[in-house]
Amino acid sequence: MTEVEIKANYKAQHDTLSEAFYAKKRTIGVTPEEQAQFDQEHGQIWDGMRTELIAEGYLIIPNPPRDLATEIDDLKTRLIALEPKEM
């Protein structure tokens, strides 16, 4: 499936869910439980799209940020170990 097809599929799911939910909310209202259920399903749609885009190679997960303080400490320790010992 192409990236455009994947996004279109999940957007259609989103639109269907949202239209039904907001129509009900406007007409008869929704309970807090229904709102929570909608929020969960809404998030699952976008999580599913992200997962599929990653699986198909259309989205690359960035590397986590580096811990520079730890890297500096490690390099200092290595340098100390490499320094010649005084006699």
N, C-alpha and C. Protein backbone atom coordinates (compact mmCIF):
# COMPACT_ATOMS: atom_id res chain seq x y z
N MET A 1 0.85 -1.17 0.00
CA MET A 1 0.00 0.00 0.00
C MET A 1 0.91 1.24 0.00
N THR A 2 0.52 2.25 -0.73
CA THR A 2 1.33 3.47 -0.77
C THR A 2 1.06 4.33 0.46
N GLU A 3 1.94 5.28 0.68
CA GLU A 3 1.78 6.19 1.82
C GLU A 3 0.46 6.95 1.73
N VAL A 4 0.12 7.39 0.55
CA VAL A 4 -1.12 8.15 0.35
C VAL A 4 -2.34 7.27 0.66
N GLU A 5 -2.29 6.01 0.23
CA GLU A 5 -3.40 5.09 0.50
C GLU A 5 -3.55 4.81 1.99
N ILE A 6 -2.43 4.62 2.67
CA ILE A 6 -2.47 4.37 4.11
C ILE A 6 -3.10 5.57 4.82
N LYS A 7 -2.61 6.76 4.50
CA LYS A 7 -3.14 7.98 5.15
C LYS A 7 -4.63 8.17 4.83
N ALA A 8 -5.02 7.91 3.59
CA ALA A 8 -6.42 8.07 3.20
C ALA A 8 -7.31 7.08 3.96
N ASN A 9 -6.83 5.85 4.13
CA ASN A 9 -7.59 4.84 4.85
C ASN A 9 -7.83 5.27 6.31
N TYR A 10 -6.78 5.71 6.97
CA TYR A 10 -6.92 6.11 8.37
C TYR A 10 -7.71 7.41 8.52
N LYS A 11 -7.58 8.31 7.55
CA LYS A 11 -8.38 9.54 7.60
C LYS A 11 -9.85 9.22 7.45
N ALA A 12 -10.17 8.26 6.58
CA ALA A 12 -11.57 7.85 6.42
C ALA A 12 -12.11 7.25 7.72
N GLN A 13 -11.30 6.42 8.39
CA GLN A 13 -11.72 5.87 9.68
C GLN A 13 -11.94 6.99 10.69
N HIS A 14 -11.02 7.95 10.71
CA HIS A 14 -11.13 9.09 11.62
C HIS A 14 -12.41 9.88 11.34
N ASP A 15 -12.64 10.17 10.09
CA ASP A 15 -13.81 10.97 9.72
C ASP A 15 -15.11 10.27 10.09
N THR A 16 -15.18 8.96 9.84
CA THR A 16 -16.37 8.19 10.18
C THR A 16 -16.62 8.21 11.67
N LEU A 17 -15.59 7.95 12.45
CA LEU A 17 -15.71 7.96 13.90
C LEU A 17 -16.13 9.34 14.40
N SER A 18 -15.46 10.37 13.91
CA SER A 18 -15.73 11.74 14.37
C SER A 18 -17.14 12.19 14.00
N GLU A 19 -17.55 11.92 12.78
CA GLU A 19 -18.89 12.33 12.35
C GLU A 19 -19.97 11.69 13.23
N ALA A 20 -19.84 10.41 13.49
CA ALA A 20 -20.82 9.71 14.32
C ALA A 20 -20.82 10.25 15.75
N PHE A 21 -19.65 10.45 16.30
CA PHE A 21 -19.55 10.92 17.68
C PHE A 21 -20.13 12.32 17.81
N TYR A 22 -19.71 13.24 16.95
CA TYR A 22 -20.16 14.63 17.08
C TYR A 22 -21.64 14.78 16.73
N ALA A 23 -22.15 13.95 15.85
CA ALA A 23 -23.59 13.98 15.56
C ALA A 23 -24.36 13.59 16.82
N LYS A 24 -23.91 12.56 17.49
CA LYS A 24 -24.58 12.13 18.72
C LYS A 24 -24.42 13.19 19.81
N LYS A 25 -23.25 13.76 19.89
CA LYS A 25 -22.99 14.79 20.91
C LYS A 25 -23.90 16.00 20.70
N ARG A 26 -24.12 16.39 19.45
CA ARG A 26 -24.99 17.53 19.15
C ARG A 26 -26.46 17.23 19.42
N THR A 27 -26.88 16.00 19.14
CA THR A 27 -28.30 15.69 19.22
C THR A 27 -28.75 15.26 20.62
N ILE A 28 -28.12 14.24 21.17
CA ILE A 28 -28.58 13.75 22.48
C ILE A 28 -27.53 13.85 23.57
N GLY A 29 -26.33 14.23 23.21
CA GLY A 29 -25.26 14.33 24.18
C GLY A 29 -24.54 13.01 24.38
N VAL A 30 -23.40 13.09 25.06
CA VAL A 30 -22.61 11.89 25.34
C VAL A 30 -22.23 11.88 26.81
N THR A 31 -22.03 10.69 27.32
CA THR A 31 -21.61 10.53 28.70
C THR A 31 -20.09 10.67 28.78
N PRO A 32 -19.56 10.90 29.97
CA PRO A 32 -18.10 10.94 30.11
C PRO A 32 -17.44 9.64 29.64
N GLU A 33 -18.12 8.51 29.85
CA GLU A 33 -17.57 7.23 29.39
C GLU A 33 -17.50 7.18 27.86
N GLU A 34 -18.54 7.70 27.22
CA GLU A 34 -18.55 7.73 25.75
C GLU A 34 -17.46 8.66 25.22
N GLN A 35 -17.26 9.78 25.91
CA GLN A 35 -16.20 10.71 25.52
C GLN A 35 -14.84 10.03 25.65
N ALA A 36 -14.64 9.32 26.75
CA ALA A 36 -13.37 8.61 26.96
C ALA A 36 -13.16 7.53 25.91
N GLN A 37 -14.24 6.82 25.57
CA GLN A 37 -14.15 5.79 24.53
C GLN A 37 -13.79 6.40 23.18
N PHE A 38 -14.41 7.52 22.86
CA PHE A 38 -14.10 8.22 21.61
C PHE A 38 -12.64 8.64 21.60
N ASP A 39 -12.18 9.24 22.69
CA ASP A 39 -10.79 9.69 22.77
C ASP A 39 -9.83 8.53 22.57
N GLN A 40 -10.14 7.38 23.17
CA GLN A 40 -9.29 6.20 23.04
C GLN A 40 -9.27 5.71 21.59
N GLU A 41 -10.44 5.57 20.99
CA GLU A 41 -10.51 5.10 19.60
C GLU A 41 -9.84 6.07 18.65
N HIS A 42 -10.02 7.36 18.91
CA HIS A 42 -9.41 8.40 18.08
C HIS A 42 -7.89 8.26 18.12
N GLY A 43 -7.34 8.07 19.31
CA GLY A 43 -5.90 7.89 19.45
C GLY A 43 -5.42 6.61 18.79
N GLN A 44 -6.22 5.55 18.89
CA GLN A 44 -5.83 4.27 18.28
C GLN A 44 -5.76 4.38 16.76
N ILE A 45 -6.62 5.18 16.18
CA ILE A 45 -6.59 5.36 14.73
C ILE A 45 -5.24 5.95 14.32
N TRP A 46 -4.84 7.04 14.99
CA TRP A 46 -3.59 7.69 14.60
C TRP A 46 -2.38 6.84 14.97
N ASP A 47 -2.45 6.12 16.08
CA ASP A 47 -1.36 5.21 16.44
C ASP A 47 -1.23 4.10 15.39
N GLY A 48 -2.37 3.60 14.92
CA GLY A 48 -2.36 2.56 13.89
C GLY A 48 -1.75 3.06 12.59
N MET A 49 -2.08 4.29 12.22
CA MET A 49 -1.52 4.86 11.00
C MET A 49 -0.01 5.01 11.14
N ARG A 50 0.43 5.53 12.28
CA ARG A 50 1.86 5.72 12.50
C ARG A 50 2.58 4.37 12.45
N THR A 51 2.01 3.36 13.09
CA THR A 51 2.62 2.02 13.10
C THR A 51 2.73 1.47 11.68
N GLU A 52 1.67 1.62 10.91
CA GLU A 52 1.69 1.10 9.53
C GLU A 52 2.68 1.87 8.65
N LEU A 53 2.74 3.19 8.83
CA LEU A 53 3.69 3.98 8.05
C LEU A 53 5.13 3.58 8.39
N ILE A 54 5.40 3.30 9.65
CA ILE A 54 6.73 2.85 10.06
C ILE A 54 7.02 1.48 9.46
N ALA A 55 6.06 0.57 9.56
CA ALA A 55 6.24 -0.80 9.05
C ALA A 55 6.49 -0.81 7.55
N GLU A 56 5.86 0.10 6.83
CA GLU A 56 6.03 0.16 5.37
C GLU A 56 7.24 0.99 4.96
N GLY A 57 7.93 1.58 5.93
CA GLY A 57 9.14 2.35 5.62
C GLY A 57 8.90 3.79 5.20
N TYR A 58 7.70 4.29 5.40
CA TYR A 58 7.40 5.67 5.02
C TYR A 58 7.71 6.67 6.13
N LEU A 59 7.89 6.17 7.33
CA LEU A 59 8.17 7.04 8.47
C LEU A 59 9.34 6.43 9.23
N ILE A 60 10.32 7.25 9.51
CA ILE A 60 11.51 6.79 10.20
C ILE A 60 11.46 7.33 11.64
N ILE A 61 11.70 6.45 12.58
CA ILE A 61 11.72 6.87 13.98
C ILE A 61 13.07 7.51 14.26
N PRO A 62 13.07 8.73 14.77
CA PRO A 62 14.36 9.37 15.04
C PRO A 62 15.07 8.70 16.22
N ASN A 63 16.38 8.80 16.22
CA ASN A 63 17.15 8.26 17.34
C ASN A 63 16.85 9.08 18.59
N PRO A 64 16.90 8.45 19.75
CA PRO A 64 16.66 9.21 20.97
C PRO A 64 17.76 10.26 21.17
N PRO A 65 17.44 11.32 21.90
CA PRO A 65 18.46 12.35 22.11
C PRO A 65 19.65 11.78 22.89
N ARG A 66 20.81 12.29 22.59
CA ARG A 66 22.02 11.82 23.27
C ARG A 66 22.10 12.42 24.66
N ASP A 67 22.68 11.67 25.56
CA ASP A 67 22.94 12.15 26.92
C ASP A 67 24.37 12.67 26.93
N LEU A 68 24.51 13.95 26.59
CA LEU A 68 25.84 14.52 26.41
C LEU A 68 26.64 14.55 27.71
N ALA A 69 26.00 14.81 28.82
CA ALA A 69 26.72 14.85 30.10
C ALA A 69 27.36 13.50 30.39
N THR A 70 26.63 12.42 30.15
CA THR A 70 27.18 11.08 30.38
C THR A 70 28.31 10.78 29.40
N GLU A 71 28.14 11.18 28.13
CA GLU A 71 29.19 10.96 27.14
C GLU A 71 30.46 11.72 27.51
N ILE A 72 30.33 12.94 28.00
CA ILE A 72 31.49 13.74 28.41
C ILE A 72 32.20 13.08 29.58
N ASP A 73 31.43 12.64 30.57
CA ASP A 73 32.03 11.95 31.72
C ASP A 73 32.77 10.70 31.28
N ASP A 74 32.18 9.95 30.36
CA ASP A 74 32.81 8.73 29.86
C ASP A 74 34.13 9.07 29.15
N LEU A 75 34.14 10.11 28.33
CA LEU A 75 35.36 10.49 27.63
C LEU A 75 36.44 10.97 28.60
N LYS A 76 36.03 11.70 29.63
CA LYS A 76 37.01 12.14 30.65
C LYS A 76 37.64 10.93 31.33
N THR A 77 36.83 9.95 31.67
CA THR A 77 37.33 8.74 32.31
C THR A 77 38.30 8.01 31.40
N ARG A 78 37.99 7.93 30.13
CA ARG A 78 38.88 7.26 29.17
C ARG A 78 40.20 8.01 29.02
N LEU A 79 40.13 9.34 28.98
CA LEU A 79 41.35 10.14 28.84
C LEU A 79 42.25 9.97 30.06
N ILE A 80 41.67 9.96 31.23
CA ILE A 80 42.45 9.76 32.44
C ILE A 80 43.15 8.41 32.39
N ALA A 81 42.44 7.40 31.92
CA ALA A 81 43.03 6.06 31.83
C ALA A 81 44.17 6.02 30.80
N LEU A 82 44.14 6.87 29.78
CA LEU A 82 45.16 6.88 28.75
C LEU A 82 46.39 7.73 29.11
N GLU A 83 46.23 8.63 30.07
CA GLU A 83 47.35 9.50 30.44
C GLU A 83 48.50 8.67 31.00
N PRO A 84 49.73 9.05 30.65
CA PRO A 84 50.87 8.30 31.17
C PRO A 84 50.98 8.47 32.69
N LYS A 85 51.36 7.43 33.33
CA LYS A 85 51.51 7.43 34.79
C LYS A 85 52.85 8.06 35.13
N GLU A 86 52.85 8.92 36.13
CA GLU A 86 54.11 9.55 36.58
C GLU A 86 54.85 8.58 37.48
N MET A 87 56.16 8.58 37.35
CA MET A 87 56.97 7.69 38.17
C MET A 87 57.78 8.45 39.14
